[in-house]
Protein backbone atom coordinates (compact mmCIF):
# COMPACT_ATOMS: atom_id res chain seq x y z
CA MET A 1 0.00 0.00 0.00
CA GLY A 2 1.38 3.36 -0.98
CA ASN A 3 0.97 6.71 0.66
CA LYS A 4 -1.12 8.08 -2.16
CA LYS A 5 -2.70 11.41 -1.21
CA ILE A 6 -6.44 11.41 -1.75
CA PRO A 7 -7.99 14.77 -2.60
CA LEU A 8 -10.45 16.11 -0.05
CA THR A 9 -13.25 16.17 -2.62
CA GLU A 10 -13.05 12.37 -2.86
CA LEU A 11 -13.36 12.04 0.92
CA GLU A 12 -16.49 14.16 1.10
CA MET A 13 -19.79 12.34 0.93
CA PRO A 14 -22.08 14.62 -1.07
CA GLY A 15 -25.09 12.32 -0.92
CA ALA A 16 -28.72 12.72 -0.02
CA PHE A 17 -27.88 12.82 3.71
CA ALA A 18 -25.85 16.01 3.41
CA GLN A 19 -28.52 17.66 1.29
CA ARG A 20 -31.21 16.89 3.88
CA HIS A 21 -29.22 18.47 6.68
CA ILE A 22 -27.91 21.61 5.04
CA VAL A 23 -30.01 24.77 5.23
CA SER A 24 -32.23 25.44 2.23
CA ASN A 25 -30.88 27.76 -0.42
CA THR A 26 -32.68 30.88 -1.68
CA GLN A 27 -34.28 29.09 -4.64
CA GLN A 28 -35.70 26.35 -2.41
CA ILE A 29 -37.07 28.92 0.04
CA GLN A 30 -38.71 30.91 -2.77
CA LYS A 31 -40.26 27.73 -4.21
CA MET A 32 -41.60 26.77 -0.78
CA LEU A 33 -43.06 30.24 -0.23
CA HIS A 34 -44.65 30.17 -3.71
CA GLU A 35 -46.26 26.77 -2.98
CA LEU A 36 -47.61 28.11 0.32
CA GLY A 37 -48.82 31.35 -1.25
CA LEU A 38 -46.71 33.47 1.10
CA GLN A 39 -44.22 36.28 0.57
CA SER A 40 -41.63 35.77 3.34
CA LEU A 41 -40.47 33.43 6.07
CA GLU A 42 -42.05 35.81 8.60
CA ASP A 43 -45.41 35.12 6.92
CA ILE A 44 -44.97 31.43 7.80
CA ILE A 45 -44.61 32.36 11.46
CA SER A 46 -47.62 34.67 11.45
CA THR A 47 -49.69 32.00 9.68
CA ALA A 48 -48.60 29.07 11.84
CA TYR A 49 -48.74 30.70 15.29
CA PRO A 50 -51.76 32.46 16.76
CA ASP A 51 -51.09 36.14 17.35
CA ASN A 52 -51.95 35.89 21.05
CA ILE A 53 -48.96 33.60 21.77
CA VAL A 54 -46.35 35.52 19.78
CA GLU A 55 -44.19 37.96 21.75
CA HIS A 56 -44.03 41.17 19.76
CA GLU A 57 -41.70 43.06 22.05
CA THR A 58 -37.96 42.72 21.76
CA ILE A 59 -36.37 40.77 24.58
CA GLU A 60 -33.98 42.94 26.52
CA LEU A 61 -30.93 40.90 27.38
CA ILE A 62 -28.44 41.93 30.03
CA ASP A 63 -24.80 42.35 29.17
CA ALA A 64 -22.67 39.23 29.30
CA MET A 65 -21.01 38.51 32.64
CA SER A 66 -17.62 36.97 33.28
CA GLU A 67 -17.44 33.53 34.84
CA SER A 68 -16.21 34.91 38.16
CA ALA A 69 -19.06 37.47 38.24
CA VAL A 70 -21.63 34.74 37.58
CA ILE A 71 -20.17 32.56 40.36
CA GLU A 72 -20.31 35.50 42.79
CA TYR A 73 -23.91 36.23 41.77
CA LEU A 74 -24.95 32.58 42.22
CA ARG A 75 -23.25 32.43 45.63
CA LYS A 76 -25.28 35.46 46.74
CA ILE A 77 -28.46 33.70 45.65
CA GLN A 78 -27.33 30.50 47.39
CA ALA A 79 -26.70 32.41 50.64
CA ARG A 80 -30.41 33.29 50.77
CA ASN A 81 -31.36 29.59 51.00
CA LYS A 82 -32.51 28.32 54.37
CA THR A 83 -31.78 24.83 55.64
CA PHE A 84 -34.63 23.15 57.49
CA THR A 85 -34.86 19.84 59.30
CA SER A 86 -35.36 17.04 56.83
CA LEU A 87 -38.17 14.67 57.74
CA ILE A 88 -37.52 12.30 54.86
CA GLY A 89 -37.30 8.73 56.15
CA MET A 90 -38.35 9.66 59.67
CA GLY A 91 -41.34 7.31 59.56
CA TYR A 92 -39.24 4.14 59.92
CA TYR A 93 -39.87 2.06 63.00
CA ASP A 94 -38.06 -1.04 64.15
CA THR A 95 -40.09 -3.92 62.79
CA ALA A 96 -39.88 -7.68 62.75
CA MET A 97 -39.09 -8.94 59.28
CA PRO A 98 -40.24 -12.48 58.52
CA ALA A 99 -37.34 -14.80 57.69
CA VAL A 100 -38.92 -15.80 54.39
CA ILE A 101 -38.86 -12.16 53.22
CA LYS A 102 -35.32 -11.65 54.43
CA ARG A 103 -34.05 -14.83 52.79
CA ASN A 104 -35.96 -14.58 49.49
CA VAL A 105 -35.73 -10.85 48.89
CA LEU A 106 -32.95 -9.18 50.82
CA GLU A 107 -30.43 -12.03 50.81
CA ASN A 108 -31.24 -13.42 47.38
CA PRO A 109 -28.29 -12.79 45.01
CA ALA A 110 -30.70 -12.50 42.10
CA TRP A 111 -31.69 -9.07 43.46
CA TYR A 112 -28.19 -7.64 43.26
CA SER A 113 -25.04 -8.07 41.23
CA ALA A 114 -21.30 -8.11 41.79
CA TYR A 115 -21.38 -4.41 40.93
CA THR A 116 -23.83 -3.52 43.68
CA PRO A 117 -22.00 -1.60 46.41
């Protein structure tokens, strides 16, 4: 086997898969709009979505923050949390477990594997 250099164009796979996953070109968009009887892509949105669920106002985004500023901000939010007494699992009472349950459920190796801690 030689070290023959293969051109990049031969390595590309310009099949149907690539065509399905690449954004439509201007001609395809115009053909689609013509078939739908619409003038623009915005018309598709206004036709497909009821006007009462479309947000017409521009979303005002805050300026980007640095990572350290975000961490500081999140720590301030975290400091407002309050820790309360957890009552999860507090309803357990010492009970007598029948041997048949213990042997056939808890001690049965079919219920756990070698990977069970």
